PDB file of all heavy atoms in Angstrom:
ATOM      1  N   ILE A   1     -43.747 -47.523  62.262  1.00  0.00           N
ATOM      2  CA  ILE A   1     -43.963 -46.082  62.106  1.00  0.00           C
ATOM      3  C   ILE A   1     -42.666 -45.323  62.334  1.00  0.00           C
ATOM      4  O   ILE A   1     -42.338 -44.361  61.615  1.00  0.00           O
ATOM      5  CB  ILE A   1     -45.059 -45.610  63.080  1.00  0.00           C
ATOM      6  CG1 ILE A   1     -46.403 -46.257  62.728  1.00  0.00           C
ATOM      7  CG2 ILE A   1     -45.178 -44.102  63.062  1.00  0.00           C
ATOM      8  CD1 ILE A   1     -46.907 -45.924  61.350  1.00  0.00           C
ATOM      9  N   GLU A   2     -41.880 -45.744  63.316  1.00  0.00           N
ATOM     10  CA  GLU A   2     -40.621 -45.054  63.607  1.00  0.00           C
ATOM     11  C   GLU A   2     -39.669 -45.117  62.421  1.00  0.00           C
ATOM     12  O   GLU A   2     -38.992 -44.134  62.094  1.00  0.00           O
ATOM     13  CB  GLU A   2     -39.981 -45.669  64.844  1.00  0.00           C
ATOM     14  CG  GLU A   2     -38.752 -44.927  65.337  1.00  0.00           C
ATOM     15  CD  GLU A   2     -38.231 -45.492  66.639  1.00  0.00           C
ATOM     16  OE1 GLU A   2     -38.624 -46.631  66.998  1.00  0.00           O
ATOM     17  OE2 GLU A   2     -37.439 -44.804  67.297  1.00  0.00           O
ATOM     18  N   ALA A   3     -39.607 -46.282  61.760  1.00  0.00           N
ATOM     19  CA  ALA A   3     -38.738 -46.404  60.587  1.00  0.00           C
ATOM     20  C   ALA A   3     -39.296 -45.631  59.394  1.00  0.00           C
ATOM     21  O   ALA A   3     -38.535 -45.014  58.633  1.00  0.00           O
ATOM     22  CB  ALA A   3     -38.559 -47.876  60.224  1.00  0.00           C
ATOM     23  N   SER A   4     -40.615 -45.636  59.226  1.00  0.00           N
ATOM     24  CA  SER A   4     -41.207 -44.959  58.063  1.00  0.00           C
ATOM     25  C   SER A   4     -41.103 -43.445  58.166  1.00  0.00           C
ATOM     26  O   SER A   4     -41.120 -42.759  57.142  1.00  0.00           O
ATOM     27  CB  SER A   4     -42.677 -45.364  57.928  1.00  0.00           C
ATOM     28  OG  SER A   4     -43.444 -44.870  59.013  1.00  0.00           O
ATOM     29  N   GLN A   5     -40.998 -42.913  59.389  1.00  0.00           N
ATOM     30  CA  GLN A   5     -40.880 -41.466  59.539  1.00  0.00           C
ATOM     31  C   GLN A   5     -39.588 -40.936  58.941  1.00  0.00           C
ATOM     32  O   GLN A   5     -39.534 -39.791  58.488  1.00  0.00           O
ATOM     33  CB  GLN A   5     -40.956 -41.101  61.029  1.00  0.00           C
ATOM     34  CG  GLN A   5     -42.346 -41.291  61.625  1.00  0.00           C
ATOM     35  CD  GLN A   5     -42.368 -41.147  63.131  1.00  0.00           C
ATOM     36  OE1 GLN A   5     -43.404 -40.913  63.722  1.00  0.00           O
ATOM     37  NE2 GLN A   5     -41.217 -41.324  63.773  1.00  0.00           N
ATOM     38  N   ARG A   6     -38.546 -41.770  58.902  1.00  0.00           N
ATOM     39  CA  ARG A   6     -37.274 -41.324  58.328  1.00  0.00           C
ATOM     40  C   ARG A   6     -37.322 -41.266  56.814  1.00  0.00           C
ATOM     41  O   ARG A   6     -36.536 -40.551  56.201  1.00  0.00           O
ATOM     42  CB  ARG A   6     -36.155 -42.258  58.794  1.00  0.00           C
ATOM     43  CG  ARG A   6     -35.893 -42.210  60.291  1.00  0.00           C
ATOM     44  CD  ARG A   6     -34.612 -42.930  60.660  1.00  0.00           C
ATOM     45  NE  ARG A   6     -34.725 -44.365  60.466  1.00  0.00           N
ATOM     46  CZ  ARG A   6     -35.077 -45.222  61.419  1.00  0.00           C
ATOM     47  NH1 ARG A   6     -35.353 -44.778  62.642  1.00  0.00           N
ATOM     48  NH2 ARG A   6     -35.147 -46.517  61.180  1.00  0.00           N
ATOM     49  N   THR A   7     -38.234 -42.034  56.220  1.00  0.00           N
ATOM     50  CA  THR A   7     -38.335 -42.063  54.756  1.00  0.00           C
ATOM     51  C   THR A   7     -39.567 -41.350  54.234  1.00  0.00           C
ATOM     52  O   THR A   7     -39.756 -41.265  53.020  1.00  0.00           O
ATOM     53  CB  THR A   7     -38.348 -43.521  54.262  1.00  0.00           C
ATOM     54  OG1 THR A   7     -39.484 -44.199  54.832  1.00  0.00           O
ATOM     55  CG2 THR A   7     -37.077 -44.238  54.685  1.00  0.00           C
ATOM     56  N   GLY A   8     -40.418 -40.859  55.116  1.00  0.00           N
ATOM     57  CA  GLY A   8     -41.636 -40.187  54.685  1.00  0.00           C
ATOM     58  C   GLY A   8     -42.689 -41.118  54.131  1.00  0.00           C
ATOM     59  O   GLY A   8     -43.536 -40.685  53.337  1.00  0.00           O
ATOM     60  N   GLN A   9     -42.668 -42.389  54.542  1.00  0.00           N
ATOM     61  CA  GLN A   9     -43.616 -43.390  54.037  1.00  0.00           C
ATOM     62  C   GLN A   9     -44.565 -43.856  55.144  1.00  0.00           C
ATOM     63  O   GLN A   9     -44.846 -45.045  55.267  1.00  0.00           O
ATOM     64  CB  GLN A   9     -42.846 -44.584  53.466  1.00  0.00           C
ATOM     65  CG  GLN A   9     -41.935 -44.250  52.309  1.00  0.00           C
ATOM     66  CD  GLN A   9     -42.723 -43.816  51.081  1.00  0.00           C
ATOM     67  OE1 GLN A   9     -43.802 -44.345  50.821  1.00  0.00           O
ATOM     68  NE2 GLN A   9     -42.189 -42.861  50.342  1.00  0.00           N
ATOM     69  N   THR A  10     -45.042 -42.914  55.943  1.00  0.00           N
ATOM     70  CA  THR A  10     -45.911 -43.282  57.053  1.00  0.00           C
ATOM     71  C   THR A  10     -47.196 -43.927  56.567  1.00  0.00           C
ATOM     72  O   THR A  10     -47.667 -44.932  57.128  1.00  0.00           O
ATOM     73  CB  THR A  10     -46.227 -42.050  57.911  1.00  0.00           C
ATOM     74  OG1 THR A  10     -44.998 -41.478  58.390  1.00  0.00           O
ATOM     75  CG2 THR A  10     -47.096 -42.414  59.100  1.00  0.00           C
ATOM     76  N   ALA A  11     -47.805 -43.365  55.519  1.00  0.00           N
ATOM     77  CA  ALA A  11     -49.059 -43.919  55.003  1.00  0.00           C
ATOM     78  C   ALA A  11     -48.859 -45.348  54.503  1.00  0.00           C
ATOM     79  O   ALA A  11     -49.697 -46.224  54.742  1.00  0.00           O
ATOM     80  CB  ALA A  11     -49.616 -43.030  53.896  1.00  0.00           C
ATOM     81  N   GLU A  12     -47.750 -45.595  53.815  1.00  0.00           N
ATOM     82  CA  GLU A  12     -47.477 -46.946  53.318  1.00  0.00           C
ATOM     83  C   GLU A  12     -47.263 -47.921  54.468  1.00  0.00           C
ATOM     84  O   GLU A  12     -47.736 -49.069  54.419  1.00  0.00           O
ATOM     85  CB  GLU A  12     -46.243 -46.915  52.418  1.00  0.00           C
ATOM     86  CG  GLU A  12     -45.866 -48.260  51.825  1.00  0.00           C
ATOM     87  CD  GLU A  12     -46.931 -48.816  50.912  1.00  0.00           C
ATOM     88  OE1 GLU A  12     -47.716 -48.024  50.353  1.00  0.00           O
ATOM     89  OE2 GLU A  12     -46.978 -50.056  50.756  1.00  0.00           O
ATOM     90  N   ALA A  13     -46.570 -47.488  55.506  1.00  0.00           N
ATOM     91  CA  ALA A  13     -46.368 -48.356  56.671  1.00  0.00           C
ATOM     92  C   ALA A  13     -47.699 -48.680  57.344  1.00  0.00           C
ATOM     93  O   ALA A  13     -47.921 -49.810  57.792  1.00  0.00           O
ATOM     94  CB  ALA A  13     -45.417 -47.689  57.663  1.00  0.00           C
ATOM     95  N   LEU A  14     -48.599 -47.706  57.403  1.00  0.00           N
ATOM     96  CA  LEU A  14     -49.914 -47.957  57.989  1.00  0.00           C
ATOM     97  C   LEU A  14     -50.702 -48.959  57.159  1.00  0.00           C
ATOM     98  O   LEU A  14     -51.364 -49.848  57.698  1.00  0.00           O
ATOM     99  CB  LEU A  14     -50.680 -46.637  58.107  1.00  0.00           C
ATOM    100  CG  LEU A  14     -50.178 -45.655  59.166  1.00  0.00           C
ATOM    101  CD1 LEU A  14     -50.823 -44.287  58.972  1.00  0.00           C
ATOM    102  CD2 LEU A  14     -50.471 -46.179  60.575  1.00  0.00           C
ATOM    103  N   ARG A  15     -50.638 -48.833  55.833  1.00  0.00           N
ATOM    104  CA  ARG A  15     -51.342 -49.776  54.965  1.00  0.00           C
ATOM    105  C   ARG A  15     -50.787 -51.192  55.131  1.00  0.00           C
ATOM    106  O   ARG A  15     -51.540 -52.169  55.187  1.00  0.00           O
ATOM    107  CB  ARG A  15     -51.240 -49.340  53.505  1.00  0.00           C
ATOM    108  CG  ARG A  15     -52.276 -48.313  53.096  1.00  0.00           C
ATOM    109  CD  ARG A  15     -52.318 -48.158  51.592  1.00  0.00           C
ATOM    110  NE  ARG A  15     -51.042 -47.681  51.082  1.00  0.00           N
ATOM    111  CZ  ARG A  15     -50.717 -46.412  50.964  1.00  0.00           C
ATOM    112  NH1 ARG A  15     -51.579 -45.477  51.322  1.00  0.00           N
ATOM    113  NH2 ARG A  15     -49.542 -46.054  50.475  1.00  0.00           N
ATOM    114  N   GLN A  16     -49.464 -51.312  55.185  1.00  0.00           N
ATOM    115  CA  GLN A  16     -48.862 -52.629  55.343  1.00  0.00           C
ATOM    116  C   GLN A  16     -49.231 -53.248  56.692  1.00  0.00           C
ATOM    117  O   GLN A  16     -49.476 -54.456  56.774  1.00  0.00           O
ATOM    118  CB  GLN A  16     -47.346 -52.520  55.199  1.00  0.00           C
ATOM    119  CG  GLN A  16     -46.878 -52.202  53.793  1.00  0.00           C
ATOM    120  CD  GLN A  16     -45.370 -52.077  53.697  1.00  0.00           C
ATOM    121  OE1 GLN A  16     -44.668 -52.119  54.704  1.00  0.00           O
ATOM    122  NE2 GLN A  16     -44.860 -51.905  52.490  1.00  0.00           N
ATOM    123  N   HIS A  17     -49.273 -52.430  57.727  1.00  0.00           N
ATOM    124  CA  HIS A  17     -49.643 -52.981  59.033  1.00  0.00           C
ATOM    125  C   HIS A  17     -51.112 -53.388  59.056  1.00  0.00           C
ATOM    126  O   HIS A  17     -51.468 -54.398  59.678  1.00  0.00           O
ATOM    127  CB  HIS A  17     -49.373 -51.958  60.134  1.00  0.00           C
ATOM    128  CG  HIS A  17     -49.427 -52.533  61.512  1.00  0.00           C
ATOM    129  ND1 HIS A  17     -48.380 -53.238  62.070  1.00  0.00           N
ATOM    130  CD2 HIS A  17     -50.417 -52.551  62.445  1.00  0.00           C
ATOM    131  CE1 HIS A  17     -48.703 -53.643  63.268  1.00  0.00           C
ATOM    132  NE2 HIS A  17     -49.940 -53.245  63.533  1.00  0.00           N
ATOM    133  N   ALA A  18     -51.976 -52.636  58.386  1.00  0.00           N
ATOM    134  CA  ALA A  18     -53.384 -53.025  58.294  1.00  0.00           C
ATOM    135  C   ALA A  18     -53.530 -54.356  57.557  1.00  0.00           C
ATOM    136  O   ALA A  18     -54.329 -55.213  57.954  1.00  0.00           O
ATOM    137  CB  ALA A  18     -54.192 -51.929  57.597  1.00  0.00           C
ATOM    138  N   ALA A  19     -52.746 -54.537  56.488  1.00  0.00           N
ATOM    139  CA  ALA A  19     -52.775 -55.813  55.772  1.00  0.00           C
ATOM    140  C   ALA A  19     -52.269 -56.950  56.653  1.00  0.00           C
ATOM    141  O   ALA A  19     -52.794 -58.073  56.610  1.00  0.00           O
ATOM    142  CB  ALA A  19     -51.941 -55.711  54.496  1.00  0.00           C
ATOM    143  N   TYR A  20     -51.255 -56.665  57.462  1.00  0.00           N
ATOM    144  CA  TYR A  20     -50.729 -57.677  58.388  1.00  0.00           C
ATOM    145  C   TYR A  20     -51.789 -58.076  59.413  1.00  0.00           C
ATOM    146  O   TYR A  20     -51.967 -59.271  59.704  1.00  0.00           O
ATOM    147  CB  TYR A  20     -49.491 -57.114  59.081  1.00  0.00           C
ATOM    148  CG  TYR A  20     -48.958 -57.962  60.215  1.00  0.00           C
ATOM    149  CD1 TYR A  20     -48.206 -59.096  59.949  1.00  0.00           C
ATOM    150  CD2 TYR A  20     -49.200 -57.624  61.545  1.00  0.00           C
ATOM    151  CE1 TYR A  20     -47.706 -59.877  60.991  1.00  0.00           C
ATOM    152  CE2 TYR A  20     -48.706 -58.391  62.578  1.00  0.00           C
ATOM    153  CZ  TYR A  20     -47.962 -59.510  62.294  1.00  0.00           C
ATOM    154  OH  TYR A  20     -47.478 -60.289  63.325  1.00  0.00           O
ATOM    155  N   LEU A  21     -52.512 -57.117  59.965  1.00  0.00           N
ATOM    156  CA  LEU A  21     -53.563 -57.428  60.932  1.00  0.00           C
ATOM    157  C   LEU A  21     -54.710 -58.188  60.274  1.00  0.00           C
ATOM    158  O   LEU A  21     -55.331 -59.058  60.894  1.00  0.00           O
ATOM    159  CB  LEU A  21     -54.081 -56.139  61.569  1.00  0.00           C
ATOM    160  CG  LEU A  21     -53.080 -55.375  62.445  1.00  0.00           C
ATOM    161  CD1 LEU A  21     -53.706 -54.075  62.960  1.00  0.00           C
ATOM    162  CD2 LEU A  21     -52.613 -56.229  63.613  1.00  0.00           C
ATOM    163  N   THR A  22     -54.994 -57.868  59.014  1.00  0.00           N
ATOM    164  CA  THR A  22     -56.013 -58.618  58.278  1.00  0.00           C
ATOM    165  C   THR A  22     -55.596 -60.070  58.119  1.00  0.00           C
ATOM    166  O   THR A  22     -56.415 -60.994  58.255  1.00  0.00           O
ATOM    167  CB  THR A  22     -56.254 -57.976  56.908  1.00  0.00           C
ATOM    168  OG1 THR A  22     -56.671 -56.616  57.087  1.00  0.00           O
ATOM    169  CG2 THR A  22     -57.326 -58.728  56.129  1.00  0.00           C
ATOM    170  N   TRP A  23     -54.319 -60.287  57.824  1.00  0.00           N
ATOM    171  CA  TRP A  23     -53.818 -61.667  57.700  1.00  0.00           C
ATOM    172  C   TRP A  23     -53.926 -62.403  59.032  1.00  0.00           C
ATOM    173  O   TRP A  23     -54.326 -63.568  59.064  1.00  0.00           O
ATOM    174  CB  TRP A  23     -52.372 -61.641  57.236  1.00  0.00           C
ATOM    175  CG  TRP A  23     -51.728 -62.995  57.235  1.00  0.00           C
ATOM    176  CD1 TRP A  23     -51.854 -63.970  56.291  1.00  0.00           C
ATOM    177  CD2 TRP A  23     -50.866 -63.528  58.240  1.00  0.00           C
ATOM    178  NE1 TRP A  23     -51.126 -65.075  56.643  1.00  0.00           N
ATOM    179  CE2 TRP A  23     -50.507 -64.840  57.835  1.00  0.00           C
ATOM    180  CE3 TRP A  23     -50.356 -63.034  59.446  1.00  0.00           C
ATOM    181  CZ2 TRP A  23     -49.670 -65.647  58.597  1.00  0.00           C
ATOM    182  CZ3 TRP A  23     -49.528 -63.840  60.200  1.00  0.00           C
ATOM    183  CH2 TRP A  23     -49.190 -65.130  59.782  1.00  0.00           C
ATOM    184  N   LEU A  24     -53.581 -61.738  60.135  1.00  0.00           N
ATOM    185  CA  LEU A  24     -53.680 -62.377  61.445  1.00  0.00           C
ATOM    186  C   LEU A  24     -55.128 -62.758  61.761  1.00  0.00           C
ATOM    187  O   LEU A  24     -55.398 -63.849  62.285  1.00  0.00           O
ATOM    188  CB  LEU A  24     -53.157 -61.435  62.534  1.00  0.00           C
ATOM    189  CG  LEU A  24     -51.648 -61.383  62.756  1.00  0.00           C
ATOM    190  CD1 LEU A  24     -51.338 -60.440  63.911  1.00  0.00           C
ATOM    191  CD2 LEU A  24     -51.075 -62.754  63.028  1.00  0.00           C
ATOM    192  N   THR A  25     -56.051 -61.870  61.432  1.00  0.00           N
ATOM    193  CA  THR A  25     -57.463 -62.172  61.676  1.00  0.00           C
ATOM    194  C   THR A  25     -57.917 -63.366  60.845  1.00  0.00           C
ATOM    195  O   THR A  25     -58.634 -64.247  61.332  1.00  0.00           O
ATOM    196  CB  THR A  25     -58.325 -60.944  61.350  1.00  0.00           C
ATOM    197  OG1 THR A  25     -57.896 -59.834  62.144  1.00  0.00           O
ATOM    198  CG2 THR A  25     -59.788 -61.217  61.630  1.00  0.00           C
ATOM    199  N   GLY A  26     -57.494 -63.408  59.575  1.00  0.00           N
ATOM    200  CA  GLY A  26     -57.838 -64.547  58.734  1.00  0.00           C
ATOM    201  C   GLY A  26     -57.249 -65.848  59.250  1.00  0.00           C
ATOM    202  O   GLY A  26     -57.904 -66.899  59.208  1.00  0.00           O
TER     203      GLY A  26
END
């Protein structure tokens, strides 16, 4: 989130992290 705030891509960073957590659960 800290890195995405500099580029204005907070929503994309959240989506990628959700996908990462989905992979961990799988």
